[in-house]
PDB file of N, CA and C in Angstrom:
ATOM      1  N   MET A   1     -44.125   7.607 -88.159  1.00  0.00           N
ATOM      2  CA  MET A   1     -43.641   8.978 -88.257  1.00  0.00           C
ATOM      3  C   MET A   1     -44.627   9.953 -88.102  1.00  0.00           C
ATOM      4  N   VAL A   2     -44.198  11.174 -87.345  1.00  0.00           N
ATOM      5  CA  VAL A   2     -45.063  12.239 -87.063  1.00  0.00           C
ATOM      6  C   VAL A   2     -45.204  13.209 -88.056  1.00  0.00           C
ATOM      7  N   ASP A   3     -46.436  13.713 -88.527  1.00  0.00           N
ATOM      8  CA  ASP A   3     -46.542  14.859 -89.564  1.00  0.00           C
ATOM      9  C   ASP A   3     -46.099  16.203 -89.012  1.00  0.00           C
ATOM     10  N   ASP A   4     -45.076  16.761 -89.461  1.00  0.00           N
ATOM     11  CA  ASP A   4     -44.673  18.031 -88.646  1.00  0.00           C
ATOM     12  C   ASP A   4     -44.907  19.082 -89.901  1.00  0.00           C
ATOM     13  N   SER A   5     -45.711  18.765 -90.776  1.00  0.00           N
ATOM     14  CA  SER A   5     -45.846  19.857 -91.899  1.00  0.00           C
ATOM     15  C   SER A   5     -46.396  21.120 -91.549  1.00  0.00           C
ATOM     16  N   HIS A   6     -47.367  21.192 -90.348  1.00  0.00           N
ATOM     17  CA  HIS A   6     -47.703  22.389 -89.907  1.00  0.00           C
ATOM     18  C   HIS A   6     -46.717  23.166 -89.201  1.00  0.00           C
ATOM     19  N   GLN A   7     -45.904  22.453 -88.496  1.00  0.00           N
ATOM     20  CA  GLN A   7     -44.781  23.026 -87.839  1.00  0.00           C
ATOM     21  C   GLN A   7     -43.882  23.644 -88.872  1.00  0.00           C
ATOM     22  N   HIS A   8     -43.408  22.987 -89.949  1.00  0.00           N
ATOM     23  CA  HIS A   8     -42.422  23.414 -91.021  1.00  0.00           C
ATOM     24  C   HIS A   8     -43.121  24.660 -91.528  1.00  0.00           C
ATOM     25  N   ALA A   9     -44.452  24.682 -91.850  1.00  0.00           N
ATOM     26  CA  ALA A   9     -45.068  25.830 -92.429  1.00  0.00           C
ATOM     27  C   ALA A   9     -45.004  27.054 -91.569  1.00  0.00           C
ATOM     28  N   GLU A  10     -45.193  26.808 -90.265  1.00  0.00           N
ATOM     29  CA  GLU A  10     -45.151  27.801 -89.230  1.00  0.00           C
ATOM     30  C   GLU A  10     -43.631  28.486 -89.098  1.00  0.00           C
ATOM     31  N   ASN A  11     -42.615  27.513 -89.280  1.00  0.00           N
ATOM     32  CA  ASN A  11     -41.394  27.910 -89.119  1.00  0.00           C
ATOM     33  C   ASN A  11     -40.908  28.884 -90.315  1.00  0.00           C
ATOM     34  N   ALA A  12     -41.224  28.401 -91.498  1.00  0.00           N
ATOM     35  CA  ALA A  12     -41.224  29.246 -92.766  1.00  0.00           C
ATOM     36  C   ALA A  12     -41.869  30.518 -92.695  1.00  0.00           C
ATOM     37  N   ALA A  13     -43.042  30.581 -92.248  1.00  0.00           N
ATOM     38  CA  ALA A  13     -43.783  31.888 -91.831  1.00  0.00           C
ATOM     39  C   ALA A  13     -43.070  32.899 -91.048  1.00  0.00           C
ATOM     40  N   ALA A  14     -42.418  32.183 -89.930  1.00  0.00           N
ATOM     41  CA  ALA A  14     -41.746  33.137 -89.022  1.00  0.00           C
ATOM     42  C   ALA A  14     -40.518  33.458 -89.578  1.00  0.00           C
ATOM     43  N   ILE A  15     -39.905  32.692 -90.532  1.00  0.00           N
ATOM     44  CA  ILE A  15     -38.543  33.143 -91.032  1.00  0.00           C
ATOM     45  C   ILE A  15     -38.913  34.416 -91.990  1.00  0.00           C
ATOM     46  N   LEU A  16     -40.007  34.327 -92.862  1.00  0.00           N
ATOM     47  CA  LEU A  16     -40.344  35.419 -93.651  1.00  0.00           C
ATOM     48  C   LEU A  16     -40.761  36.730 -92.940  1.00  0.00           C
ATOM     49  N   LYS A  17     -41.517  36.445 -91.708  1.00  0.00           N
ATOM     50  CA  LYS A  17     -41.973  37.375 -90.942  1.00  0.00           C
ATOM     51  C   LYS A  17     -40.435  38.192 -90.214  1.00  0.00           C
ATOM     52  N   VAL A  18     -39.590  37.537 -89.971  1.00  0.00           N
ATOM     53  CA  VAL A  18     -38.530  38.220 -89.411  1.00  0.00           C
ATOM     54  C   VAL A  18     -37.714  38.881 -90.533  1.00  0.00           C
ATOM     55  N   ALA A  19     -37.713  38.394 -91.640  1.00  0.00           N
ATOM     56  CA  ALA A  19     -36.941  38.997 -92.955  1.00  0.00           C
ATOM     57  C   ALA A  19     -37.826  40.230 -93.295  1.00  0.00           C
ATOM     58  N   TYR A  20     -39.152  40.259 -93.247  1.00  0.00           N
ATOM     59  CA  TYR A  20     -39.823  41.413 -93.561  1.00  0.00           C
ATOM     60  C   TYR A  20     -39.666  42.467 -92.488  1.00  0.00           C
ATOM     61  N   CYS A  21     -39.796  42.075 -91.099  1.00  0.00           N
ATOM     62  CA  CYS A  21     -39.664  43.304 -90.120  1.00  0.00           C
ATOM     63  C   CYS A  21     -38.377  43.775 -90.020  1.00  0.00           C
ATOM     64  N   ARG A  22     -37.201  43.015 -90.294  1.00  0.00           N
ATOM     65  CA  ARG A  22     -35.963  43.312 -90.148  1.00  0.00           C
ATOM     66  C   ARG A  22     -35.368  43.971 -91.427  1.00  0.00           C
ATOM     67  N   ASP A  23     -35.508  43.465 -92.451  1.00  0.00           N
ATOM     68  CA  ASP A  23     -35.031  43.846 -93.701  1.00  0.00           C
ATOM     69  C   ASP A  23     -35.863  44.366 -94.791  1.00  0.00           C
ATOM     70  N   GLY A  24     -37.191  44.268 -94.680  1.00  0.00           N
ATOM     71  CA  GLY A  24     -38.079  44.930 -95.646  1.00  0.00           C
ATOM     72  C   GLY A  24     -38.869  43.895 -96.547  1.00  0.00           C
ATOM     73  N   VAL A  25     -39.722  44.399 -97.250  1.00  0.00           N
ATOM     74  CA  VAL A  25     -40.575  43.572 -98.269  1.00  0.00           C
ATOM     75  C   VAL A  25     -39.575  42.855 -99.267  1.00  0.00           C
ATOM     76  N   ASP A  26     -38.891  43.707 -99.719  1.00  0.00           N
ATOM     77  CA  ASP A  26     -37.899  43.064-100.955  1.00  0.00           C
ATOM     78  C   ASP A  26     -37.214  41.857-100.473  1.00  0.00           C
ATOM     79  N   VAL A  27     -36.543  41.779 -99.259  1.00  0.00           N
ATOM     80  CA  VAL A  27     -35.714  40.931 -98.798  1.00  0.00           C
ATOM     81  C   VAL A  27     -36.874  39.637 -98.343  1.00  0.00           C
ATOM     82  N   ALA A  28     -37.759  40.027 -97.769  1.00  0.00           N
ATOM     83  CA  ALA A  28     -38.861  38.784 -97.686  1.00  0.00           C
ATOM     84  C   ALA A  28     -39.141  38.187 -98.848  1.00  0.00           C
ATOM     85  N   MET A  29     -39.615  39.065 -99.795  1.00  0.00           N
ATOM     86  CA  MET A  29     -39.801  38.433-101.358  1.00  0.00           C
ATOM     87  C   MET A  29     -38.948  37.579-101.702  1.00  0.00           C
ATOM     88  N   GLN A  30     -37.582  38.071-101.712  1.00  0.00           N
ATOM     89  CA  GLN A  30     -36.409  37.193-102.315  1.00  0.00           C
ATOM     90  C   GLN A  30     -36.425  35.845-101.526  1.00  0.00           C
ATOM     91  N   ALA A  31     -36.589  35.884-100.094  1.00  0.00           N
ATOM     92  CA  ALA A  31     -36.434  34.768 -99.282  1.00  0.00           C
ATOM     93  C   ALA A  31     -37.601  33.767 -99.607  1.00  0.00           C
ATOM     94  N   ALA A  32     -38.795  34.263 -99.878  1.00  0.00           N
ATOM     95  CA  ALA A  32     -40.052  33.328-100.404  1.00  0.00           C
ATOM     96  C   ALA A  32     -39.722  32.719-101.620  1.00  0.00           C
ATOM     97  N   ILE A  33     -39.192  33.498-102.602  1.00  0.00           N
ATOM     98  CA  ILE A  33     -38.934  32.981-103.940  1.00  0.00           C
ATOM     99  C   ILE A  33     -37.890  32.019-103.797  1.00  0.00           C
ATOM    100  N   HIS A  34     -36.777  32.163-102.934  1.00  0.00           N
ATOM    101  CA  HIS A  34     -35.797  31.092-102.599  1.00  0.00           C
ATOM    102  C   HIS A  34     -36.447  29.971-102.012  1.00  0.00           C
ATOM    103  N   MET A  35     -37.321  30.063-101.023  1.00  0.00           N
ATOM    104  CA  MET A  35     -38.118  28.867-100.394  1.00  0.00           C
ATOM    105  C   MET A  35     -38.692  28.100-101.543  1.00  0.00           C
ATOM    106  N   ILE A  36     -39.620  28.702-102.431  1.00  0.00           N
ATOM    107  CA  ILE A  36     -40.442  27.956-103.401  1.00  0.00           C
ATOM    108  C   ILE A  36     -39.419  27.369-104.502  1.00  0.00           C
ATOM    109  N   SER A  37     -38.391  28.126-104.719  1.00  0.00           N
ATOM    110  CA  SER A  37     -37.485  27.355-105.832  1.00  0.00           C
ATOM    111  C   SER A  37     -36.974  26.200-105.182  1.00  0.00           C
ATOM    112  N   ILE A  38     -36.405  26.124-103.932  1.00  0.00           N
ATOM    113  CA  ILE A  38     -35.759  25.000-103.238  1.00  0.00           C
ATOM    114  C   ILE A  38     -36.830  23.899-103.257  1.00  0.00           C
ATOM    115  N   ALA A  39     -38.060  24.182-102.755  1.00  0.00           N
ATOM    116  CA  ALA A  39     -39.197  23.209-102.520  1.00  0.00           C
ATOM    117  C   ALA A  39     -39.400  22.459-103.879  1.00  0.00           C
ATOM    118  N   ALA A  40     -39.544  23.273-104.914  1.00  0.00           N
ATOM    119  CA  ALA A  40     -39.911  22.761-106.275  1.00  0.00           C
ATOM    120  C   ALA A  40     -38.604  21.935-106.667  1.00  0.00           C
ATOM    121  N   ALA A  41     -37.477  22.329-106.455  1.00  0.00           N
ATOM    122  CA  ALA A  41     -36.246  21.384-106.901  1.00  0.00           C
ATOM    123  C   ALA A  41     -36.373  20.007-105.904  1.00  0.00           C
ATOM    124  N   LEU A  42     -36.695  20.207-104.628  1.00  0.00           N
ATOM    125  CA  LEU A  42     -36.643  19.013-103.985  1.00  0.00           C
ATOM    126  C   LEU A  42     -37.695  18.048-104.463  1.00  0.00           C
ATOM    127  N   LEU A  43     -39.096  18.756-104.547  1.00  0.00           N
ATOM    128  CA  LEU A  43     -40.079  17.659-104.956  1.00  0.00           C
ATOM    129  C   LEU A  43     -39.779  17.255-106.249  1.00  0.00           C
ATOM    130  N   THR A  44     -39.201  17.811-107.234  1.00  0.00           N
ATOM    131  CA  THR A  44     -38.962  17.353-108.634  1.00  0.00           C
ATOM    132  C   THR A  44     -37.959  16.109-108.376  1.00  0.00           C
ATOM    133  N   SER A  45     -36.930  16.221-107.644  1.00  0.00           N
ATOM    134  CA  SER A  45     -36.045  15.065-107.379  1.00  0.00           C
ATOM    135  C   SER A  45     -36.496  14.035-106.476  1.00  0.00           C
ATOM    136  N   GLU A  46     -37.462  14.155-105.594  1.00  0.00           N
ATOM    137  CA  GLU A  46     -38.012  13.145-104.676  1.00  0.00           C
ATOM    138  C   GLU A  46     -39.192  12.620-105.568  1.00  0.00           C
ATOM    139  N   SER A  47     -40.047  13.429-105.934  1.00  0.00           N
ATOM    140  CA  SER A  47     -41.575  12.985-106.495  1.00  0.00           C
ATOM    141  C   SER A  47     -41.769  13.204-107.898  1.00  0.00           C
ATOM    142  N   GLY A  48     -40.875  13.825-108.582  1.00  0.00           N
ATOM    143  CA  GLY A  48     -41.033  13.742-110.004  1.00  0.00           C
ATOM    144  C   GLY A  48     -41.671  15.392-110.392  1.00  0.00           C
ATOM    145  N   PRO A  49     -41.662  15.655-111.469  1.00  0.00           N
ATOM    146  CA  PRO A  49     -41.811  17.021-112.080  1.00  0.00           C
ATOM    147  C   PRO A  49     -43.467  17.233-111.896  1.00  0.00           C
ATOM    148  N   ASP A  50     -44.150  16.257-111.997  1.00  0.00           N
ATOM    149  CA  ASP A  50     -45.746  16.293-111.780  1.00  0.00           C
ATOM    150  C   ASP A  50     -46.040  17.030-110.394  1.00  0.00           C
ATOM    151  N   GLU A  51     -45.389  16.616-109.330  1.00  0.00           N
ATOM    152  CA  GLU A  51     -45.649  17.092-108.151  1.00  0.00           C
ATOM    153  C   GLU A  51     -45.428  18.617-107.976  1.00  0.00           C
ATOM    154  N   SER A  52     -44.033  18.806-108.680  1.00  0.00           N
ATOM    155  CA  SER A  52     -43.683  20.260-108.619  1.00  0.00           C
ATOM    156  C   SER A  52     -44.764  21.277-109.284  1.00  0.00           C
ATOM    157  N   ARG A  53     -45.116  20.733-110.347  1.00  0.00           N
ATOM    158  CA  ARG A  53     -46.145  21.416-111.208  1.00  0.00           C
ATOM    159  C   ARG A  53     -47.385  21.676-110.521  1.00  0.00           C
ATOM    160  N   ARG A  54     -47.741  20.622-109.771  1.00  0.00           N
ATOM    161  CA  ARG A  54     -48.922  20.740-108.894  1.00  0.00           C
ATOM    162  C   ARG A  54     -48.799  21.804-107.697  1.00  0.00           C
ATOM    163  N   ILE A  55     -47.728  21.972-106.931  1.00  0.00           N
ATOM    164  CA  ILE A  55     -47.306  22.980-106.185  1.00  0.00           C
ATOM    165  C   ILE A  55     -47.350  24.337-106.661  1.00  0.00           C
ATOM    166  N   LEU A  56     -46.777  24.445-107.954  1.00  0.00           N
ATOM    167  CA  LEU A  56     -46.594  25.797-108.437  1.00  0.00           C
ATOM    168  C   LEU A  56     -48.039  26.224-109.011  1.00  0.00           C
ATOM    169  N   GLN A  57     -48.825  25.240-109.504  1.00  0.00           N
ATOM    170  CA  GLN A  57     -50.284  25.550-109.806  1.00  0.00           C
ATOM    171  C   GLN A  57     -51.070  25.990-108.598  1.00  0.00           C
ATOM    172  N   ILE A  58     -50.781  25.431-107.467  1.00  0.00           N
ATOM    173  CA  ILE A  58     -51.541  25.886-106.120  1.00  0.00           C
ATOM    174  C   ILE A  58     -51.124  27.513-105.989  1.00  0.00           C
ATOM    175  N   ILE A  59     -49.781  27.627-106.001  1.00  0.00           N
ATOM    176  CA  ILE A  59     -49.318  29.005-105.877  1.00  0.00           C
ATOM    177  C   ILE A  59     -50.010  30.043-106.777  1.00  0.00           C
ATOM    178  N   GLY A  60     -50.037  29.550-108.311  1.00  0.00           N
ATOM    179  CA  GLY A  60     -50.824  30.408-109.208  1.00  0.00           C
ATOM    180  C   GLY A  60     -52.130  30.587-108.756  1.00  0.00           C
ATOM    181  N   GLU A  61     -52.833  29.614-108.356  1.00  0.00           N
ATOM    182  CA  GLU A  61     -54.194  29.898-107.971  1.00  0.00           C
ATOM    183  C   GLU A  61     -54.498  30.781-106.847  1.00  0.00           C
ATOM    184  N   VAL A  62     -53.567  30.772-105.769  1.00  0.00           N
ATOM    185  CA  VAL A  62     -53.664  31.503-104.610  1.00  0.00           C
ATOM    186  C   VAL A  62     -53.242  33.085-105.069  1.00  0.00           C
ATOM    187  N   GLN A  63     -52.505  33.249-105.827  1.00  0.00           N
ATOM    188  CA  GLN A  63     -52.073  34.535-106.442  1.00  0.00           C
ATOM    189  C   GLN A  63     -53.249  35.096-107.154  1.00  0.00           C
ATOM    190  N   GLY A  64     -53.926  34.337-108.001  1.00  0.00           N
ATOM    191  CA  GLY A  64     -55.114  34.779-108.673  1.00  0.00           C
ATOM    192  C   GLY A  64     -56.324  35.293-107.733  1.00  0.00           C
ATOM    193  N   LYS A  65     -56.288  34.474-106.750  1.00  0.00           N
ATOM    194  CA  LYS A  65     -57.491  34.810-105.476  1.00  0.00           C
ATOM    195  C   LYS A  65     -56.996  36.061-105.008  1.00  0.00           C
ATOM    196  N   ALA A  66     -55.644  36.373-104.850  1.00  0.00           N
ATOM    197  CA  ALA A  66     -55.402  37.452-104.042  1.00  0.00           C
ATOM    198  C   ALA A  66     -55.434  38.759-104.916  1.00  0.00           C
ATOM    199  N   SER A  67     -55.521  38.739-106.234  1.00  0.00           N
ATOM    200  CA  SER A  67     -55.482  39.885-107.040  1.00  0.00           C
ATOM    201  C   SER A  67     -56.932  40.591-107.082  1.00  0.00           C
TER     202      SER A  67
END
């Protein structure tokens, strides 16, 4: 099986960039929130809540570094 994770991440970034350029920052933020929520729900159903917490922890760490 081929690891397409980088391509998927690039696709998600492209979607957010289009939302930002076309509709503004608020729409892009809402799209990002929806992507994160969907990813967390999928990870919970497939890998359990610990994996979702790990991903959300990474997001929190990135947010702390950006502040």
